[in-house]
């Protein structure tokens, strides 16, 4: 973390995504910057689908979710 970088919240989680046309996607230890210090599973599922630009998504399961404090890594969106 660079000097002077603000510490903010990130969510670290595992996920499983099923696609409506078959197949799936899994992620472990995935990190996303969030506003505030909490995010519910439904909002997180929507966020990951949008962030990865996924289509034909069926079910999304959020697993082992935890909030951490560290500087955001993403530069602009």
PDB file of N, CA and C in Angstrom:
ATOM      1  N   UNK A   1       0.853  -1.162   0.000  1.00  0.00           N
ATOM      2  CA  UNK A   1       0.000   0.000   0.000  1.00  0.00           C
ATOM      3  C   UNK A   1       0.902   1.228   0.000  1.00  0.00           C
ATOM      4  N   UNK A   2       0.655   2.166  -0.905  1.00  0.00           N
ATOM      5  CA  UNK A   2       1.495   3.347  -0.989  1.00  0.00           C
ATOM      6  C   UNK A   2       1.142   4.326   0.116  1.00  0.00           C
ATOM      7  N   UNK A   3       2.122   5.154   0.479  1.00  0.00           N
ATOM      8  CA  UNK A   3       1.904   6.146   1.526  1.00  0.00           C
ATOM      9  C   UNK A   3       0.784   7.086   1.110  1.00  0.00           C
ATOM     10  N   UNK A   4      -0.108   7.360   2.031  1.00  0.00           N
ATOM     11  CA  UNK A   4      -1.200   8.274   1.756  1.00  0.00           C
ATOM     12  C   UNK A   4      -2.393   7.656   1.044  1.00  0.00           C
ATOM     13  N   UNK A   5      -2.317   6.394   0.649  1.00  0.00           N
ATOM     14  CA  UNK A   5      -3.441   5.741  -0.021  1.00  0.00           C
ATOM     15  C   UNK A   5      -4.542   5.483   1.000  1.00  0.00           C
ATOM     16  N   UNK A   6      -5.761   5.931   0.718  1.00  0.00           N
ATOM     17  CA  UNK A   6      -6.844   5.720   1.684  1.00  0.00           C
ATOM     18  C   UNK A   6      -7.186   4.235   1.802  1.00  0.00           C
ATOM     19  N   UNK A   7      -7.453   3.812   3.029  1.00  0.00           N
ATOM     20  CA  UNK A   7      -7.889   2.437   3.249  1.00  0.00           C
ATOM     21  C   UNK A   7      -9.396   2.399   3.067  1.00  0.00           C
ATOM     22  N   UNK A   8      -9.855   1.507   2.206  1.00  0.00           N
ATOM     23  CA  UNK A   8     -11.277   1.400   1.918  1.00  0.00           C
ATOM     24  C   UNK A   8     -11.682  -0.064   1.990  1.00  0.00           C
ATOM     25  N   UNK A   9     -12.933  -0.333   1.705  1.00  0.00           N
ATOM     26  CA  UNK A   9     -13.459  -1.684   1.876  1.00  0.00           C
ATOM     27  C   UNK A   9     -13.458  -2.463   0.560  1.00  0.00           C
ATOM     28  N   UNK A  10     -13.118  -3.739   0.706  1.00  0.00           N
ATOM     29  CA  UNK A  10     -13.201  -4.681  -0.401  1.00  0.00           C
ATOM     30  C   UNK A  10     -13.884  -5.927   0.138  1.00  0.00           C
ATOM     31  N   UNK A  11     -14.563  -6.628  -0.746  1.00  0.00           N
ATOM     32  CA  UNK A  11     -15.171  -7.894  -0.366  1.00  0.00           C
ATOM     33  C   UNK A  11     -14.342  -8.993  -1.021  1.00  0.00           C
ATOM     34  N   UNK A  12     -14.021 -10.015  -0.232  1.00  0.00           N
ATOM     35  CA  UNK A  12     -13.283 -11.184  -0.702  1.00  0.00           C
ATOM     36  C   UNK A  12     -14.242 -12.359  -0.578  1.00  0.00           C
ATOM     37  N   UNK A  13     -14.396 -13.136  -1.662  1.00  0.00           N
ATOM     38  CA  UNK A  13     -15.399 -14.196  -1.639  1.00  0.00           C
ATOM     39  C   UNK A  13     -15.099 -15.255  -2.692  1.00  0.00           C
ATOM     40  N   UNK A  14     -15.741 -16.391  -2.520  1.00  0.00           N
ATOM     41  CA  UNK A  14     -15.758 -17.453  -3.522  1.00  0.00           C
ATOM     42  C   UNK A  14     -17.131 -17.403  -4.172  1.00  0.00           C
ATOM     43  N   UNK A  15     -17.222 -17.866  -5.409  1.00  0.00           N
ATOM     44  CA  UNK A  15     -18.525 -17.879  -6.068  1.00  0.00           C
ATOM     45  C   UNK A  15     -18.631 -19.051  -7.030  1.00  0.00           C
ATOM     46  N   UNK A  16     -19.868 -19.421  -7.302  1.00  0.00           N
ATOM     47  CA  UNK A  16     -20.199 -20.414  -8.320  1.00  0.00           C
ATOM     48  C   UNK A  16     -21.325 -19.831  -9.153  1.00  0.00           C
ATOM     49  N   UNK A  17     -21.172 -19.875 -10.467  1.00  0.00           N
ATOM     50  CA  UNK A  17     -22.184 -19.367 -11.375  1.00  0.00           C
ATOM     51  C   UNK A  17     -22.584 -20.476 -12.329  1.00  0.00           C
ATOM     52  N   UNK A  18     -23.881 -20.734 -12.440  1.00  0.00           N
ATOM     53  CA  UNK A  18     -24.418 -21.674 -13.417  1.00  0.00           C
ATOM     54  C   UNK A  18     -25.003 -20.864 -14.567  1.00  0.00           C
ATOM     55  N   UNK A  19     -24.743 -21.308 -15.788  1.00  0.00           N
ATOM     56  CA  UNK A  19     -25.294 -20.645 -16.962  1.00  0.00           C
ATOM     57  C   UNK A  19     -26.543 -21.370 -17.426  1.00  0.00           C
ATOM     58  N   UNK A  20     -27.515 -20.612 -17.911  1.00  0.00           N
ATOM     59  CA  UNK A  20     -28.792 -21.196 -18.318  1.00  0.00           C
ATOM     60  C   UNK A  20     -28.654 -22.067 -19.567  1.00  0.00           C
ATOM     61  N   UNK A  21     -27.588 -21.878 -20.333  1.00  0.00           N
ATOM     62  CA  UNK A  21     -27.361 -22.701 -21.521  1.00  0.00           C
ATOM     63  C   UNK A  21     -26.345 -23.807 -21.260  1.00  0.00           C
ATOM     64  N   UNK A  22     -26.046 -24.084 -19.982  1.00  0.00           N
ATOM     65  CA  UNK A  22     -25.121 -25.148 -19.607  1.00  0.00           C
ATOM     66  C   UNK A  22     -23.775 -24.586 -19.180  1.00  0.00           C
ATOM     67  N   UNK A  23     -23.061 -25.372 -18.420  1.00  0.00           N
ATOM     68  CA  UNK A  23     -21.736 -24.964 -17.963  1.00  0.00           C
ATOM     69  C   UNK A  23     -21.791 -24.076 -16.739  1.00  0.00           C
ATOM     70  N   UNK A  24     -20.618 -23.679 -16.294  1.00  0.00           N
ATOM     71  CA  UNK A  24     -20.543 -22.855 -15.101  1.00  0.00           C
ATOM     72  C   UNK A  24     -19.174 -22.228 -14.954  1.00  0.00           C
ATOM     73  N   UNK A  25     -19.060 -21.411 -13.935  1.00  0.00           N
ATOM     74  CA  UNK A  25     -17.835 -20.679 -13.648  1.00  0.00           C
ATOM     75  C   UNK A  25     -17.669 -20.629 -12.143  1.00  0.00           C
ATOM     76  N   UNK A  26     -16.432 -20.809 -11.677  1.00  0.00           N
ATOM     77  CA  UNK A  26     -16.151 -20.733 -10.247  1.00  0.00           C
ATOM     78  C   UNK A  26     -14.999 -19.764 -10.034  1.00  0.00           C
ATOM     79  N   UNK A  27     -15.018 -19.110  -8.889  1.00  0.00           N
ATOM     80  CA  UNK A  27     -13.916 -18.236  -8.510  1.00  0.00           C
ATOM     81  C   UNK A  27     -13.620 -18.399  -7.034  1.00  0.00           C
ATOM     82  N   UNK A  28     -12.360 -18.349  -6.677  1.00  0.00           N
ATOM     83  CA  UNK A  28     -11.950 -18.451  -5.281  1.00  0.00           C
ATOM     84  C   UNK A  28     -11.099 -17.248  -4.920  1.00  0.00           C
ATOM     85  N   UNK A  29     -11.375 -16.677  -3.768  1.00  0.00           N
ATOM     86  CA  UNK A  29     -10.608 -15.539  -3.290  1.00  0.00           C
ATOM     87  C   UNK A  29     -10.751 -14.305  -4.166  1.00  0.00           C
ATOM     88  N   UNK A  30     -11.896 -14.183  -4.853  1.00  0.00           N
ATOM     89  CA  UNK A  30     -12.150 -13.056  -5.755  1.00  0.00           C
ATOM     90  C   UNK A  30     -12.339 -11.798  -4.920  1.00  0.00           C
ATOM     91  N   UNK A  31     -11.793 -10.670  -5.378  1.00  0.00           N
ATOM     92  CA  UNK A  31     -11.886  -9.413  -4.634  1.00  0.00           C
ATOM     93  C   UNK A  31     -12.533  -8.340  -5.482  1.00  0.00           C
ATOM     94  N   UNK A  32     -13.428  -7.581  -4.853  1.00  0.00           N
ATOM     95  CA  UNK A  32     -14.054  -6.443  -5.510  1.00  0.00           C
ATOM     96  C   UNK A  32     -14.088  -5.268  -4.548  1.00  0.00           C
ATOM     97  N   UNK A  33     -13.849  -4.078  -5.063  1.00  0.00           N
ATOM     98  CA  UNK A  33     -13.998  -2.859  -4.280  1.00  0.00           C
ATOM     99  C   UNK A  33     -15.485  -2.618  -4.048  1.00  0.00           C
ATOM    100  N   UNK A  34     -15.837  -2.183  -2.844  1.00  0.00           N
ATOM    101  CA  UNK A  34     -17.234  -1.872  -2.544  1.00  0.00           C
ATOM    102  C   UNK A  34     -17.335  -0.521  -1.848  1.00  0.00           C
ATOM    103  N   UNK A  35     -18.512   0.072  -1.958  1.00  0.00           N
ATOM    104  CA  UNK A  35     -18.833   1.294  -1.217  1.00  0.00           C
ATOM    105  C   UNK A  35     -19.327   0.862   0.154  1.00  0.00           C
ATOM    106  N   UNK A  36     -18.840   1.461   1.193  1.00  0.00           N
ATOM    107  CA  UNK A  36     -19.296   1.134   2.538  1.00  0.00           C
ATOM    108  C   UNK A  36     -18.628  -0.116   3.071  1.00  0.00           C
ATOM    109  N   UNK A  37     -19.190  -0.638   4.177  1.00  0.00           N
ATOM    110  CA  UNK A  37     -18.560  -1.775   4.846  1.00  0.00           C
ATOM    111  C   UNK A  37     -19.415  -3.039   4.824  1.00  0.00           C
ATOM    112  N   UNK A  38     -20.393  -3.098   3.895  1.00  0.00           N
ATOM    113  CA  UNK A  38     -21.244  -4.286   3.790  1.00  0.00           C
ATOM    114  C   UNK A  38     -21.843  -4.358   2.387  1.00  0.00           C
ATOM    115  N   UNK A  39     -22.164  -5.580   1.970  1.00  0.00           N
ATOM    116  CA  UNK A  39     -22.879  -5.813   0.717  1.00  0.00           C
ATOM    117  C   UNK A  39     -23.614  -7.139   0.866  1.00  0.00           C
ATOM    118  N   UNK A  40     -24.894  -7.170   0.489  1.00  0.00           N
ATOM    119  CA  UNK A  40     -25.620  -8.435   0.619  1.00  0.00           C
ATOM    120  C   UNK A  40     -25.320  -9.338  -0.576  1.00  0.00           C
ATOM    121  N   UNK A  41     -25.628 -10.622  -0.423  1.00  0.00           N
ATOM    122  CA  UNK A  41     -25.277 -11.607  -1.448  1.00  0.00           C
ATOM    123  C   UNK A  41     -25.922 -11.325  -2.797  1.00  0.00           C
ATOM    124  N   UNK A  42     -27.190 -10.872  -2.793  1.00  0.00           N
ATOM    125  CA  UNK A  42     -27.886 -10.595  -4.058  1.00  0.00           C
ATOM    126  C   UNK A  42     -27.208  -9.440  -4.798  1.00  0.00           C
ATOM    127  N   UNK A  43     -26.866  -8.379  -4.082  1.00  0.00           N
ATOM    128  CA  UNK A  43     -26.182  -7.245  -4.707  1.00  0.00           C
ATOM    129  C   UNK A  43     -24.801  -7.653  -5.201  1.00  0.00           C
ATOM    130  N   UNK A  44     -24.108  -8.481  -4.437  1.00  0.00           N
ATOM    131  CA  UNK A  44     -22.786  -8.953  -4.846  1.00  0.00           C
ATOM    132  C   UNK A  44     -22.882  -9.830  -6.091  1.00  0.00           C
ATOM    133  N   UNK A  45     -23.889 -10.691  -6.147  1.00  0.00           N
ATOM    134  CA  UNK A  45     -24.103 -11.531  -7.334  1.00  0.00           C
ATOM    135  C   UNK A  45     -24.344 -10.663  -8.569  1.00  0.00           C
ATOM    136  N   UNK A  46     -25.193  -9.636  -8.426  1.00  0.00           N
ATOM    137  CA  UNK A  46     -25.443  -8.715  -9.551  1.00  0.00           C
ATOM    138  C   UNK A  46     -24.159  -8.012  -9.970  1.00  0.00           C
ATOM    139  N   UNK A  47     -23.379  -7.579  -8.995  1.00  0.00           N
ATOM    140  CA  UNK A  47     -22.133  -6.853  -9.259  1.00  0.00           C
ATOM    141  C   UNK A  47     -21.144  -7.726 -10.040  1.00  0.00           C
ATOM    142  N   UNK A  48     -20.962  -8.964  -9.607  1.00  0.00           N
ATOM    143  CA  UNK A  48     -19.990  -9.843 -10.278  1.00  0.00           C
ATOM    144  C   UNK A  48     -20.429 -10.159 -11.706  1.00  0.00           C
ATOM    145  N   UNK A  49     -21.720 -10.365 -11.916  1.00  0.00           N
ATOM    146  CA  UNK A  49     -22.231 -10.643 -13.265  1.00  0.00           C
ATOM    147  C   UNK A  49     -21.998  -9.438 -14.177  1.00  0.00           C
ATOM    148  N   UNK A  50     -22.289  -8.235 -13.669  1.00  0.00           N
ATOM    149  CA  UNK A  50     -22.047  -7.005 -14.464  1.00  0.00           C
ATOM    150  C   UNK A  50     -20.563  -6.782 -14.700  1.00  0.00           C
ATOM    151  N   UNK A  51     -19.748  -6.929 -13.636  1.00  0.00           N
ATOM    152  CA  UNK A  51     -18.322  -6.648 -13.731  1.00  0.00           C
ATOM    153  C   UNK A  51     -17.624  -7.577 -14.723  1.00  0.00           C
ATOM    154  N   UNK A  52     -18.055  -8.828 -14.778  1.00  0.00           N
ATOM    155  CA  UNK A  52     -17.469  -9.795 -15.715  1.00  0.00           C
ATOM    156  C   UNK A  52     -18.194  -9.824 -17.055  1.00  0.00           C
ATOM    157  N   UNK A  53     -19.259  -9.022 -17.175  1.00  0.00           N
ATOM    158  CA  UNK A  53     -20.058  -8.921 -18.408  1.00  0.00           C
ATOM    159  C   UNK A  53     -20.559 -10.289 -18.877  1.00  0.00           C
ATOM    160  N   UNK A  54     -21.126 -11.032 -17.925  1.00  0.00           N
ATOM    161  CA  UNK A  54     -21.612 -12.373 -18.223  1.00  0.00           C
ATOM    162  C   UNK A  54     -23.031 -12.329 -18.771  1.00  0.00           C
ATOM    163  N   UNK A  55     -23.323 -13.257 -19.672  1.00  0.00           N
ATOM    164  CA  UNK A  55     -24.655 -13.394 -20.263  1.00  0.00           C
ATOM    165  C   UNK A  55     -25.208 -14.772 -19.941  1.00  0.00           C
ATOM    166  N   UNK A  56     -26.513 -14.913 -20.043  1.00  0.00           N
ATOM    167  CA  UNK A  56     -27.208 -16.194 -19.859  1.00  0.00           C
ATOM    168  C   UNK A  56     -26.888 -16.831 -18.504  1.00  0.00           C
ATOM    169  N   UNK A  57     -26.865 -15.989 -17.474  1.00  0.00           N
ATOM    170  CA  UNK A  57     -26.561 -16.449 -16.126  1.00  0.00           C
ATOM    171  C   UNK A  57     -27.813 -17.033 -15.496  1.00  0.00           C
ATOM    172  N   UNK A  58     -27.668 -18.215 -14.927  1.00  0.00           N
ATOM    173  CA  UNK A  58     -28.746 -18.849 -14.179  1.00  0.00           C
ATOM    174  C   UNK A  58     -28.584 -18.501 -12.711  1.00  0.00           C
ATOM    175  N   UNK A  59     -28.122 -19.443 -11.909  1.00  0.00           N
ATOM    176  CA  UNK A  59     -27.963 -19.238 -10.470  1.00  0.00           C
ATOM    177  C   UNK A  59     -26.552 -18.761 -10.141  1.00  0.00           C
ATOM    178  N   UNK A  60     -26.458 -17.869  -9.154  1.00  0.00           N
ATOM    179  CA  UNK A  60     -25.172 -17.408  -8.627  1.00  0.00           C
ATOM    180  C   UNK A  60     -25.152 -17.702  -7.134  1.00  0.00           C
ATOM    181  N   UNK A  61     -24.115 -18.403  -6.693  1.00  0.00           N
ATOM    182  CA  UNK A  61     -23.950 -18.697  -5.267  1.00  0.00           C
ATOM    183  C   UNK A  61     -22.701 -17.974  -4.767  1.00  0.00           C
ATOM    184  N   UNK A  62     -22.870 -17.228  -3.664  1.00  0.00           N
ATOM    185  CA  UNK A  62     -21.772 -16.512  -3.025  1.00  0.00           C
ATOM    186  C   UNK A  62     -21.378 -17.317  -1.792  1.00  0.00           C
ATOM    187  N   UNK A  63     -20.090 -17.611  -1.676  1.00  0.00           N
ATOM    188  CA  UNK A  63     -19.591 -18.456  -0.595  1.00  0.00           C
ATOM    189  C   UNK A  63     -18.429 -17.759   0.119  1.00  0.00           C
ATOM    190  N   UNK A  64     -18.270 -18.010   1.392  1.00  0.00           N
ATOM    191  CA  UNK A  64     -17.104 -17.555   2.169  1.00  0.00           C
ATOM    192  C   UNK A  64     -16.819 -16.069   1.984  1.00  0.00           C
ATOM    193  N   UNK A  65     -17.852 -15.243   2.132  1.00  0.00           N
ATOM    194  CA  UNK A  65     -17.725 -13.795   1.937  1.00  0.00           C
ATOM    195  C   UNK A  65     -17.184 -13.136   3.196  1.00  0.00           C
ATOM    196  N   UNK A  66     -16.228 -12.224   3.005  1.00  0.00           N
ATOM    197  CA  UNK A  66     -15.733 -11.426   4.118  1.00  0.00           C
ATOM    198  C   UNK A  66     -15.318 -10.045   3.606  1.00  0.00           C
ATOM    199  N   UNK A  67     -15.457  -9.057   4.464  1.00  0.00           N
ATOM    200  CA  UNK A  67     -15.098  -7.680   4.129  1.00  0.00           C
ATOM    201  C   UNK A  67     -13.727  -7.396   4.726  1.00  0.00           C
ATOM    202  N   UNK A  68     -12.847  -6.791   3.941  1.00  0.00           N
ATOM    203  CA  UNK A  68     -11.530  -6.403   4.428  1.00  0.00           C
ATOM    204  C   UNK A  68     -11.326  -4.917   4.170  1.00  0.00           C
ATOM    205  N   UNK A  69     -10.378  -4.342   4.880  1.00  0.00           N
ATOM    206  CA  UNK A  69     -10.025  -2.942   4.676  1.00  0.00           C
ATOM    207  C   UNK A  69      -8.640  -2.896   4.042  1.00  0.00           C
ATOM    208  N   UNK A  70      -8.567  -2.311   2.850  1.00  0.00           N
ATOM    209  CA  UNK A  70      -7.295  -2.074   2.179  1.00  0.00           C
ATOM    210  C   UNK A  70      -7.544  -1.097   1.044  1.00  0.00           C
ATOM    211  N   UNK A  71      -6.493  -0.556   0.509  1.00  0.00           N
ATOM    212  CA  UNK A  71      -6.627   0.417  -0.574  1.00  0.00           C
ATOM    213  C   UNK A  71      -7.239  -0.236  -1.801  1.00  0.00           C
ATOM    214  N   UNK A  72      -8.112   0.488  -2.473  1.00  0.00           N
ATOM    215  CA  UNK A  72      -8.681  -0.001  -3.726  1.00  0.00           C
ATOM    216  C   UNK A  72      -7.578  -0.122  -4.759  1.00  0.00           C
ATOM    217  N   UNK A  73      -7.647  -1.143  -5.579  1.00  0.00           N
ATOM    218  CA  UNK A  73      -6.633  -1.402  -6.603  1.00  0.00           C
ATOM    219  C   UNK A  73      -7.020  -0.856  -7.958  1.00  0.00           C
ATOM    220  N   UNK A  74      -8.313  -0.821  -8.253  1.00  0.00           N
ATOM    221  CA  UNK A  74      -8.800  -0.448  -9.573  1.00  0.00           C
ATOM    222  C   UNK A  74      -8.586   1.047  -9.817  1.00  0.00           C
ATOM    223  N   UNK A  75      -8.114   1.356 -11.001  1.00  0.00           N
ATOM    224  CA  UNK A  75      -7.926   2.756 -11.402  1.00  0.00           C
ATOM    225  C   UNK A  75      -8.980   3.091 -12.439  1.00  0.00           C
ATOM    226  N   UNK A  76      -9.978   3.899 -12.046  1.00  0.00           N
ATOM    227  CA  UNK A  76     -11.045   4.292 -12.965  1.00  0.00           C
ATOM    228  C   UNK A  76     -11.873   3.115 -13.445  1.00  0.00           C
ATOM    229  N   UNK A  77     -13.099   3.383 -13.880  1.00  0.00           N
ATOM    230  CA  UNK A  77     -13.964   2.328 -14.432  1.00  0.00           C
ATOM    231  C   UNK A  77     -14.685   2.830 -15.637  1.00  0.00           C
TER     232      UNK A  77
END
